[in-house]
Amino acid sequence: MAMPPPLRKVALTAHVAFSVGWLGAVAGFLALAIAGLTSSDAQVVRGAYVAMEVIGWFVLVPFSLASLLTGLIQALGTTWGLVRHYWVLFKFLISVVATVLLLVHMQVAGHVADAAAASSLSGGDLKGMRIQLLADAGAALLVLLVAVALSVYKPRGLTRYGWHRQREQAQQRGGTQPTPVS
């Protein structure tokens, strides 16, 4: 079922806003992870990890969920569909996996933030977890940029379901058969 154009534009605007917000929040999280890992100032380190938990729960998680939900609405409410085109399906799967990993990642962020709030972290304290926070944020930024590229370039390629749907619609209109595009 296709949404009427005004509603489609509102839904698209919401999806773009939440997705850009998610991307920006990940960039901020990455900056804090770098500061927390490299700074020699105990207050900066402590503040960075406490701020990471706040940004995580109050910005990253809500924006990821909102981006996922508005993306699903966009897919189901437009002719793109959720499983007709590979790029839409891959983007949806990227969002689902990234959101699940974010929720797991927030457990690590919470543990490091709790340790930072209880006392100042020294250079070696929770080093592995602090490196993991940095690596996860960098990977998340890369994955979200892949999702942006998929949205912009919309690579060709119908899924098997999409090809069959397109063929059925062409037959109903009495038109020619579409040729499958890989």
N, C-alpha and C. Protein backbone atom coordinates (compact mmCIF):
# COMPACT_ATOMS: atom_id res chain seq x y z
N MET A 1 0.84 -1.18 0.00
CA MET A 1 0.00 0.00 0.00
C MET A 1 0.88 1.24 0.00
N ALA A 2 0.75 2.05 -1.00
CA ALA A 2 1.56 3.26 -1.11
C ALA A 2 0.94 4.39 -0.30
N MET A 3 1.78 5.12 0.40
CA MET A 3 1.33 6.27 1.17
C MET A 3 1.03 7.42 0.22
N PRO A 4 0.09 8.29 0.58
CA PRO A 4 -0.11 9.49 -0.23
C PRO A 4 1.15 10.37 -0.16
N PRO A 5 1.43 11.12 -1.22
CA PRO A 5 2.67 11.91 -1.27
C PRO A 5 2.95 12.79 -0.05
N PRO A 6 1.98 13.53 0.50
CA PRO A 6 2.32 14.35 1.69
C PRO A 6 2.78 13.50 2.88
N LEU A 7 2.12 12.37 3.11
CA LEU A 7 2.51 11.50 4.22
C LEU A 7 3.86 10.85 3.94
N ARG A 8 4.10 10.47 2.68
CA ARG A 8 5.37 9.88 2.29
C ARG A 8 6.52 10.85 2.56
N LYS A 9 6.29 12.13 2.27
CA LYS A 9 7.35 13.13 2.50
C LYS A 9 7.61 13.34 3.98
N VAL A 10 6.55 13.32 4.79
CA VAL A 10 6.73 13.45 6.24
C VAL A 10 7.51 12.24 6.77
N ALA A 11 7.13 11.05 6.31
CA ALA A 11 7.81 9.83 6.76
C ALA A 11 9.28 9.83 6.31
N LEU A 12 9.53 10.26 5.08
CA LEU A 12 10.90 10.32 4.59
C LEU A 12 11.72 11.34 5.37
N THR A 13 11.12 12.48 5.66
CA THR A 13 11.81 13.51 6.44
C THR A 13 12.17 12.98 7.83
N ALA A 14 11.23 12.29 8.46
CA ALA A 14 11.50 11.71 9.78
C ALA A 14 12.62 10.68 9.69
N HIS A 15 12.57 9.83 8.67
CA HIS A 15 13.60 8.79 8.52
C HIS A 15 14.98 9.41 8.31
N VAL A 16 15.06 10.39 7.45
CA VAL A 16 16.35 11.04 7.20
C VAL A 16 16.85 11.73 8.47
N ALA A 17 15.96 12.41 9.17
CA ALA A 17 16.37 13.13 10.39
C ALA A 17 16.89 12.16 11.45
N PHE A 18 16.17 11.07 11.69
CA PHE A 18 16.62 10.10 12.70
C PHE A 18 17.90 9.40 12.27
N SER A 19 18.03 9.12 10.99
CA SER A 19 19.23 8.44 10.50
C SER A 19 20.45 9.35 10.59
N VAL A 20 20.29 10.61 10.23
CA VAL A 20 21.39 11.57 10.34
C VAL A 20 21.74 11.79 11.81
N GLY A 21 20.72 11.84 12.66
CA GLY A 21 20.96 11.98 14.09
C GLY A 21 21.74 10.80 14.65
N TRP A 22 21.39 9.59 14.20
CA TRP A 22 22.10 8.39 14.63
C TRP A 22 23.56 8.46 14.19
N LEU A 23 23.78 8.83 12.95
CA LEU A 23 25.14 8.95 12.42
C LEU A 23 25.94 10.00 13.20
N GLY A 24 25.33 11.13 13.45
CA GLY A 24 26.01 12.20 14.21
C GLY A 24 26.31 11.79 15.64
N ALA A 25 25.37 11.08 16.26
CA ALA A 25 25.59 10.62 17.64
C ALA A 25 26.73 9.61 17.70
N VAL A 26 26.84 8.76 16.69
CA VAL A 26 27.95 7.80 16.63
C VAL A 26 29.27 8.55 16.48
N ALA A 27 29.28 9.60 15.66
CA ALA A 27 30.50 10.40 15.51
C ALA A 27 30.89 11.05 16.84
N GLY A 28 29.91 11.57 17.57
CA GLY A 28 30.19 12.15 18.89
C GLY A 28 30.68 11.10 19.88
N PHE A 29 30.08 9.92 19.83
CA PHE A 29 30.49 8.81 20.68
C PHE A 29 31.93 8.41 20.38
N LEU A 30 32.28 8.39 19.09
CA LEU A 30 33.64 8.07 18.67
C LEU A 30 34.63 9.12 19.20
N ALA A 31 34.26 10.37 19.11
CA ALA A 31 35.13 11.44 19.63
C ALA A 31 35.37 11.28 21.13
N LEU A 32 34.31 10.95 21.85
CA LEU A 32 34.45 10.74 23.30
C LEU A 32 35.30 9.50 23.60
N ALA A 33 35.16 8.46 22.81
CA ALA A 33 35.96 7.25 23.00
C ALA A 33 37.44 7.55 22.79
N ILE A 34 37.73 8.37 21.78
CA ILE A 34 39.12 8.76 21.51
C ILE A 34 39.66 9.58 22.68
N ALA A 35 38.87 10.55 23.14
CA ALA A 35 39.30 11.39 24.27
C ALA A 35 39.50 10.55 25.53
N GLY A 36 38.59 9.61 25.78
CA GLY A 36 38.69 8.78 26.97
C GLY A 36 39.90 7.86 26.94
N LEU A 37 40.27 7.43 25.78
CA LEU A 37 41.40 6.49 25.66
C LEU A 37 42.76 7.20 25.62
N THR A 38 42.79 8.40 25.07
CA THR A 38 44.08 9.06 24.85
C THR A 38 44.42 10.18 25.83
N SER A 39 43.44 10.70 26.53
CA SER A 39 43.71 11.84 27.40
C SER A 39 44.47 11.41 28.66
N SER A 40 45.35 12.29 29.10
CA SER A 40 46.07 12.05 30.36
C SER A 40 45.40 12.78 31.51
N ASP A 41 44.38 13.59 31.21
CA ASP A 41 43.64 14.33 32.24
C ASP A 41 42.53 13.43 32.78
N ALA A 42 42.61 13.10 34.07
CA ALA A 42 41.65 12.18 34.69
C ALA A 42 40.22 12.68 34.60
N GLN A 43 40.02 13.99 34.70
CA GLN A 43 38.66 14.55 34.61
C GLN A 43 38.08 14.40 33.20
N VAL A 44 38.92 14.58 32.19
CA VAL A 44 38.47 14.41 30.81
C VAL A 44 38.09 12.96 30.57
N VAL A 45 38.92 12.05 31.04
CA VAL A 45 38.64 10.62 30.87
C VAL A 45 37.34 10.26 31.57
N ARG A 46 37.20 10.67 32.79
CA ARG A 46 35.99 10.38 33.57
C ARG A 46 34.76 10.97 32.89
N GLY A 47 34.85 12.23 32.50
CA GLY A 47 33.71 12.89 31.85
C GLY A 47 33.35 12.26 30.52
N ALA A 48 34.37 11.83 29.77
CA ALA A 48 34.11 11.23 28.46
C ALA A 48 33.29 9.96 28.59
N TYR A 49 33.66 9.10 29.53
CA TYR A 49 32.95 7.82 29.65
C TYR A 49 31.56 7.97 30.26
N VAL A 50 31.42 8.90 31.17
CA VAL A 50 30.09 9.16 31.73
C VAL A 50 29.19 9.75 30.63
N ALA A 51 29.73 10.67 29.84
CA ALA A 51 28.96 11.27 28.74
C ALA A 51 28.60 10.22 27.68
N MET A 52 29.49 9.27 27.43
CA MET A 52 29.21 8.22 26.45
C MET A 52 27.98 7.41 26.83
N GLU A 53 27.85 7.12 28.11
CA GLU A 53 26.67 6.36 28.53
C GLU A 53 25.39 7.19 28.35
N VAL A 54 25.46 8.46 28.69
CA VAL A 54 24.29 9.33 28.54
C VAL A 54 23.91 9.47 27.06
N ILE A 55 24.88 9.73 26.22
CA ILE A 55 24.62 9.83 24.77
C ILE A 55 24.08 8.51 24.24
N GLY A 56 24.66 7.42 24.71
CA GLY A 56 24.22 6.11 24.25
C GLY A 56 22.76 5.85 24.52
N TRP A 57 22.35 6.01 25.78
CA TRP A 57 20.97 5.67 26.14
C TRP A 57 19.95 6.71 25.73
N PHE A 58 20.35 7.98 25.69
CA PHE A 58 19.37 9.03 25.41
C PHE A 58 19.40 9.57 23.99
N VAL A 59 20.42 9.20 23.20
CA VAL A 59 20.48 9.65 21.81
C VAL A 59 20.65 8.46 20.87
N LEU A 60 21.73 7.69 21.03
CA LEU A 60 22.01 6.59 20.11
C LEU A 60 20.89 5.56 20.04
N VAL A 61 20.50 5.03 21.17
CA VAL A 61 19.47 3.98 21.17
C VAL A 61 18.14 4.51 20.63
N PRO A 62 17.63 5.65 21.12
CA PRO A 62 16.35 6.13 20.55
C PRO A 62 16.45 6.44 19.05
N PHE A 63 17.55 7.05 18.61
CA PHE A 63 17.67 7.37 17.18
C PHE A 63 17.80 6.11 16.33
N SER A 64 18.50 5.10 16.84
CA SER A 64 18.61 3.85 16.07
C SER A 64 17.25 3.19 15.94
N LEU A 65 16.50 3.13 17.03
CA LEU A 65 15.17 2.53 16.98
C LEU A 65 14.22 3.34 16.09
N ALA A 66 14.29 4.66 16.20
CA ALA A 66 13.43 5.51 15.36
C ALA A 66 13.81 5.40 13.89
N SER A 67 15.09 5.32 13.60
CA SER A 67 15.55 5.15 12.22
C SER A 67 15.07 3.82 11.66
N LEU A 68 15.18 2.78 12.47
CA LEU A 68 14.72 1.45 12.06
C LEU A 68 13.21 1.45 11.80
N LEU A 69 12.45 2.04 12.69
CA LEU A 69 10.99 2.08 12.55
C LEU A 69 10.56 2.92 11.35
N THR A 70 11.14 4.11 11.20
CA THR A 70 10.75 4.96 10.07
C THR A 70 11.23 4.37 8.74
N GLY A 71 12.35 3.67 8.77
CA GLY A 71 12.80 2.97 7.56
C GLY A 71 11.84 1.87 7.16
N LEU A 72 11.35 1.14 8.15
CA LEU A 72 10.37 0.09 7.89
C LEU A 72 9.08 0.69 7.33
N ILE A 73 8.64 1.79 7.89
CA ILE A 73 7.45 2.48 7.38
C ILE A 73 7.67 2.92 5.95
N GLN A 74 8.85 3.48 5.67
CA GLN A 74 9.18 3.90 4.30
C GLN A 74 9.14 2.72 3.34
N ALA A 75 9.74 1.62 3.75
CA ALA A 75 9.81 0.45 2.87
C ALA A 75 8.41 -0.10 2.60
N LEU A 76 7.61 -0.22 3.63
CA LEU A 76 6.29 -0.82 3.47
C LEU A 76 5.28 0.14 2.85
N GLY A 77 5.53 1.44 2.97
CA GLY A 77 4.58 2.43 2.47
C GLY A 77 4.92 3.03 1.12
N THR A 78 5.94 2.52 0.47
CA THR A 78 6.32 3.04 -0.85
C THR A 78 6.46 1.87 -1.82
N THR A 79 6.67 2.20 -3.07
CA THR A 79 6.82 1.16 -4.09
C THR A 79 8.15 0.41 -3.96
N TRP A 80 9.07 0.92 -3.17
CA TRP A 80 10.34 0.22 -3.00
C TRP A 80 10.13 -1.13 -2.34
N GLY A 81 9.23 -1.18 -1.37
CA GLY A 81 8.98 -2.43 -0.66
C GLY A 81 10.16 -2.80 0.23
N LEU A 82 9.93 -3.78 1.09
CA LEU A 82 10.99 -4.21 2.00
C LEU A 82 11.86 -5.31 1.39
N VAL A 83 11.26 -6.17 0.57
CA VAL A 83 12.02 -7.30 0.04
C VAL A 83 12.01 -7.34 -1.49
N ARG A 84 11.73 -6.23 -2.13
CA ARG A 84 11.73 -6.19 -3.61
C ARG A 84 13.12 -5.90 -4.17
N HIS A 85 13.84 -5.03 -3.50
CA HIS A 85 15.16 -4.60 -3.99
C HIS A 85 16.21 -4.98 -2.95
N TYR A 86 17.33 -5.50 -3.45
CA TYR A 86 18.40 -5.92 -2.55
C TYR A 86 18.89 -4.78 -1.67
N TRP A 87 19.02 -3.58 -2.23
CA TRP A 87 19.59 -2.49 -1.45
C TRP A 87 18.69 -2.14 -0.26
N VAL A 88 17.37 -2.21 -0.42
CA VAL A 88 16.45 -1.91 0.68
C VAL A 88 16.56 -3.00 1.75
N LEU A 89 16.57 -4.24 1.31
CA LEU A 89 16.68 -5.36 2.23
C LEU A 89 18.01 -5.30 2.99
N PHE A 90 19.12 -5.05 2.30
CA PHE A 90 20.42 -4.96 2.96
C PHE A 90 20.46 -3.80 3.95
N LYS A 91 19.89 -2.66 3.57
CA LYS A 91 19.88 -1.51 4.46
C LYS A 91 19.06 -1.81 5.71
N PHE A 92 17.94 -2.49 5.54
CA PHE A 92 17.12 -2.87 6.69
C PHE A 92 17.89 -3.83 7.59
N LEU A 93 18.54 -4.83 7.00
CA LEU A 93 19.31 -5.79 7.80
C LEU A 93 20.47 -5.11 8.51
N ILE A 94 21.13 -4.18 7.84
CA ILE A 94 22.20 -3.41 8.48
C ILE A 94 21.66 -2.68 9.71
N SER A 95 20.50 -2.07 9.57
CA SER A 95 19.90 -1.32 10.68
C SER A 95 19.52 -2.24 11.84
N VAL A 96 18.96 -3.40 11.54
CA VAL A 96 18.57 -4.35 12.59
C VAL A 96 19.82 -4.83 13.33
N VAL A 97 20.81 -5.27 12.59
CA VAL A 97 22.04 -5.79 13.22
C VAL A 97 22.74 -4.68 14.00
N ALA A 98 22.83 -3.49 13.43
CA ALA A 98 23.49 -2.38 14.12
C ALA A 98 22.76 -2.01 15.41
N THR A 99 21.45 -2.06 15.40
CA THR A 99 20.67 -1.73 16.60
C THR A 99 20.88 -2.79 17.68
N VAL A 100 20.85 -4.05 17.29
CA VAL A 100 21.08 -5.13 18.27
C VAL A 100 22.49 -5.03 18.85
N LEU A 101 23.48 -4.82 17.99
CA LEU A 101 24.86 -4.69 18.48
C LEU A 101 25.02 -3.45 19.37
N LEU A 102 24.30 -2.39 19.05
CA LEU A 102 24.34 -1.19 19.89
C LEU A 102 23.84 -1.51 21.30
N LEU A 103 22.76 -2.25 21.39
CA LEU A 103 22.23 -2.61 22.71
C LEU A 103 23.22 -3.46 23.49
N VAL A 104 23.91 -4.36 22.82
CA VAL A 104 24.96 -5.16 23.48
C VAL A 104 26.12 -4.24 23.87
N HIS A 105 26.51 -3.36 22.97
CA HIS A 105 27.61 -2.42 23.18
C HIS A 105 27.34 -1.52 24.38
N MET A 106 26.10 -1.17 24.60
CA MET A 106 25.77 -0.27 25.71
C MET A 106 26.05 -0.91 27.06
N GLN A 107 26.10 -2.23 27.13
CA GLN A 107 26.47 -2.89 28.38
C GLN A 107 27.92 -2.59 28.72
N VAL A 108 28.78 -2.63 27.72
CA VAL A 108 30.20 -2.31 27.91
C VAL A 108 30.34 -0.83 28.28
N ALA A 109 29.64 0.03 27.55
CA ALA A 109 29.70 1.47 27.84
C ALA A 109 29.23 1.75 29.26
N GLY A 110 28.18 1.08 29.70
CA GLY A 110 27.68 1.26 31.06
C GLY A 110 28.67 0.82 32.11
N HIS A 111 29.35 -0.30 31.86
CA HIS A 111 30.34 -0.79 32.82
C HIS A 111 31.51 0.19 32.94
N VAL A 112 32.01 0.68 31.82
CA VAL A 112 33.12 1.63 31.86
C VAL A 112 32.68 2.95 32.48
N ALA A 113 31.47 3.40 32.18
CA ALA A 113 30.95 4.65 32.76
C ALA A 113 30.80 4.52 34.27
N ASP A 114 30.31 3.36 34.73
CA ASP A 114 30.18 3.15 36.18
C ASP A 114 31.54 3.18 36.86
N ALA A 115 32.54 2.57 36.23
CA ALA A 115 33.89 2.59 36.80
C ALA A 115 34.46 4.00 36.80
N ALA A 116 34.19 4.74 35.75
CA ALA A 116 34.68 6.12 35.68
C ALA A 116 34.00 7.01 36.71
N ALA A 117 32.71 6.80 36.94
CA ALA A 117 31.98 7.61 37.91
C ALA A 117 32.40 7.29 39.34
N ALA A 118 32.77 6.03 39.60
CA ALA A 118 33.16 5.62 40.94
C ALA A 118 34.54 6.14 41.32
N SER A 119 35.44 6.21 40.36
CA SER A 119 36.79 6.72 40.61
C SER A 119 37.39 7.09 39.26
N SER A 120 38.51 7.75 39.31
CA SER A 120 39.15 8.08 38.04
C SER A 120 39.84 6.85 37.49
N LEU A 121 39.70 6.66 36.21
CA LEU A 121 40.36 5.52 35.55
C LEU A 121 41.82 5.87 35.30
N SER A 122 42.69 4.95 35.60
CA SER A 122 44.09 5.17 35.25
C SER A 122 44.32 4.62 33.85
N GLY A 123 45.51 4.84 33.32
CA GLY A 123 45.81 4.45 31.95
C GLY A 123 45.55 2.99 31.62
N GLY A 124 45.74 2.09 32.57
CA GLY A 124 45.58 0.67 32.30
C GLY A 124 44.24 0.09 32.70
N ASP A 125 43.43 0.85 33.46
CA ASP A 125 42.14 0.34 33.93
C ASP A 125 41.18 0.11 32.78
N LEU A 126 40.63 -1.08 32.73
CA LEU A 126 39.62 -1.45 31.73
C LEU A 126 40.09 -1.11 30.30
N LYS A 127 41.37 -1.24 30.07
CA LYS A 127 41.95 -0.87 28.77
C LYS A 127 41.29 -1.61 27.61
N GLY A 128 41.06 -2.91 27.78
CA GLY A 128 40.43 -3.69 26.71
C GLY A 128 39.04 -3.19 26.38
N MET A 129 38.26 -2.88 27.41
CA MET A 129 36.90 -2.38 27.18
C MET A 129 36.92 -1.00 26.55
N ARG A 130 37.87 -0.19 26.95
CA ARG A 130 37.96 1.16 26.39
C ARG A 130 38.36 1.11 24.92
N ILE A 131 39.26 0.18 24.58
CA ILE A 131 39.63 0.00 23.16
C ILE A 131 38.43 -0.55 22.39
N GLN A 132 37.68 -1.45 23.02
CA GLN A 132 36.49 -2.00 22.37
C GLN A 132 35.47 -0.90 22.07
N LEU A 133 35.29 0.04 23.00
CA LEU A 133 34.36 1.15 22.76
C LEU A 133 34.79 1.97 21.55
N LEU A 134 36.09 2.20 21.43
CA LEU A 134 36.61 2.95 20.29
C LEU A 134 36.42 2.17 18.99
N ALA A 135 36.78 0.91 19.00
CA ALA A 135 36.66 0.08 17.79
C ALA A 135 35.20 -0.07 17.37
N ASP A 136 34.31 -0.29 18.34
CA ASP A 136 32.89 -0.46 18.02
C ASP A 136 32.30 0.82 17.43
N ALA A 137 32.69 1.96 17.98
CA ALA A 137 32.17 3.23 17.46
C ALA A 137 32.69 3.47 16.04
N GLY A 138 33.96 3.16 15.79
CA GLY A 138 34.51 3.31 14.44
C GLY A 138 33.82 2.39 13.46
N ALA A 139 33.58 1.14 13.86
CA ALA A 139 32.89 0.18 12.99
C ALA A 139 31.45 0.63 12.74
N ALA A 140 30.79 1.13 13.78
CA ALA A 140 29.41 1.60 13.62
C ALA A 140 29.34 2.76 12.63
N LEU A 141 30.30 3.67 12.71
CA LEU A 141 30.33 4.79 11.78
C LEU A 141 30.49 4.29 10.34
N LEU A 142 31.37 3.34 10.15
CA LEU A 142 31.57 2.78 8.81
C LEU A 142 30.30 2.09 8.29
N VAL A 143 29.67 1.30 9.13
CA VAL A 143 28.45 0.58 8.73
C VAL A 143 27.33 1.56 8.38
N LEU A 144 27.18 2.61 9.17
CA LEU A 144 26.14 3.60 8.88
C LEU A 144 26.44 4.36 7.59
N LEU A 145 27.70 4.58 7.30
CA LEU A 145 28.06 5.22 6.02
C LEU A 145 27.75 4.30 4.84
N VAL A 146 27.88 3.00 5.03
CA VAL A 146 27.48 2.05 3.98
C VAL A 146 25.97 2.17 3.74
N ALA A 147 25.19 2.27 4.82
CA ALA A 147 23.74 2.44 4.68
C ALA A 147 23.41 3.73 3.94
N VAL A 148 24.15 4.80 4.23
CA VAL A 148 23.94 6.07 3.52
C VAL A 148 24.24 5.88 2.03
N ALA A 149 25.34 5.22 1.72
CA ALA A 149 25.70 5.00 0.32
C ALA A 149 24.63 4.18 -0.40
N LEU A 150 24.09 3.17 0.26
CA LEU A 150 23.02 2.38 -0.35
C LEU A 150 21.80 3.25 -0.64
N SER A 151 21.49 4.17 0.25
CA SER A 151 20.35 5.07 0.06
C SER A 151 20.57 6.03 -1.09
N VAL A 152 21.78 6.49 -1.26
CA VAL A 152 22.08 7.46 -2.31
C VAL A 152 22.20 6.79 -3.67
N TYR A 153 22.94 5.70 -3.74
CA TYR A 153 23.22 5.07 -5.03
C TYR A 153 22.14 4.08 -5.48
N LYS A 154 21.39 3.52 -4.53
CA LYS A 154 20.33 2.57 -4.85
C LYS A 154 20.76 1.59 -5.93
N PRO A 155 21.72 0.73 -5.63
CA PRO A 155 22.21 -0.19 -6.66
C PRO A 155 21.08 -1.05 -7.22
N ARG A 156 21.16 -1.30 -8.51
CA ARG A 156 20.14 -2.12 -9.17
C ARG A 156 20.17 -3.52 -8.63
N GLY A 157 19.09 -4.19 -8.82
CA GLY A 157 19.00 -5.59 -8.45
C GLY A 157 17.73 -5.88 -7.70
N LEU A 158 16.86 -6.60 -8.35
CA LEU A 158 15.63 -7.04 -7.71
C LEU A 158 15.85 -8.38 -7.06
N THR A 159 15.21 -8.59 -5.93
CA THR A 159 15.21 -9.91 -5.33
C THR A 159 14.32 -10.81 -6.18
N ARG A 160 14.35 -12.08 -5.92
CA ARG A 160 13.48 -13.01 -6.66
C ARG A 160 12.02 -12.60 -6.48
N TYR A 161 11.65 -12.24 -5.26
CA TYR A 161 10.29 -11.79 -4.98
C TYR A 161 9.98 -10.52 -5.77
N GLY A 162 10.89 -9.58 -5.77
CA GLY A 162 10.68 -8.32 -6.50
C GLY A 162 10.53 -8.53 -7.99
N TRP A 163 11.32 -9.44 -8.54
CA TRP A 163 11.23 -9.72 -9.96
C TRP A 163 9.87 -10.33 -10.30
N HIS A 164 9.41 -11.27 -9.46
CA HIS A 164 8.11 -11.90 -9.70
C HIS A 164 6.96 -10.89 -9.56
N ARG A 165 7.06 -10.02 -8.58
CA ARG A 165 6.03 -8.98 -8.39
C ARG A 165 5.99 -8.05 -9.60
N GLN A 166 7.16 -7.67 -10.08
CA GLN A 166 7.23 -6.77 -11.23
C GLN A 166 6.64 -7.46 -12.47
N ARG A 167 6.92 -8.72 -12.63
CA ARG A 167 6.39 -9.48 -13.77
C ARG A 167 4.87 -9.60 -13.67
N GLU A 168 4.35 -9.87 -12.47
CA GLU A 168 2.89 -9.95 -12.28
C GLU A 168 2.21 -8.63 -12.60
N GLN A 169 2.80 -7.53 -12.15
CA GLN A 169 2.22 -6.21 -12.41
C GLN A 169 2.24 -5.90 -13.90
N ALA A 170 3.30 -6.29 -14.58
CA ALA A 170 3.38 -6.05 -16.03
C ALA A 170 2.32 -6.87 -16.76
N GLN A 171 2.11 -8.10 -16.31
CA GLN A 171 1.08 -8.94 -16.94
C GLN A 171 -0.31 -8.37 -16.71
N GLN A 172 -0.56 -7.83 -15.53
CA GLN A 172 -1.86 -7.24 -15.22
C GLN A 172 -2.12 -6.01 -16.08
N ARG A 173 -1.07 -5.27 -16.40
CA ARG A 173 -1.22 -4.09 -17.24
C ARG A 173 -1.20 -4.46 -18.71
N GLY A 174 -0.89 -5.73 -19.00
CA GLY A 174 -0.83 -6.15 -20.39
C GLY A 174 0.43 -5.69 -21.09
N GLY A 175 1.44 -5.37 -20.30
CA GLY A 175 2.69 -4.87 -20.88
C GLY A 175 3.66 -6.00 -21.17
N THR A 176 4.86 -5.62 -21.46
CA THR A 176 5.92 -6.58 -21.77
C THR A 176 6.52 -7.11 -20.49
N GLN A 177 7.16 -8.24 -20.59
CA GLN A 177 7.81 -8.87 -19.45
C GLN A 177 9.08 -8.10 -19.11
N PRO A 178 9.30 -7.83 -17.83
CA PRO A 178 10.56 -7.19 -17.43
C PRO A 178 11.70 -8.18 -17.55
N THR A 179 12.87 -7.65 -17.80
CA THR A 179 14.05 -8.51 -17.83
C THR A 179 14.72 -8.43 -16.46
N PRO A 180 15.11 -9.57 -15.93
CA PRO A 180 15.74 -9.54 -14.59
C PRO A 180 17.06 -8.79 -14.63
N VAL A 181 17.29 -7.97 -13.60
CA VAL A 181 18.53 -7.20 -13.48
C VAL A 181 19.27 -7.72 -12.29
N SER A 182 20.50 -8.08 -12.46
CA SER A 182 21.30 -8.61 -11.35
C SER A 182 22.06 -7.53 -10.67
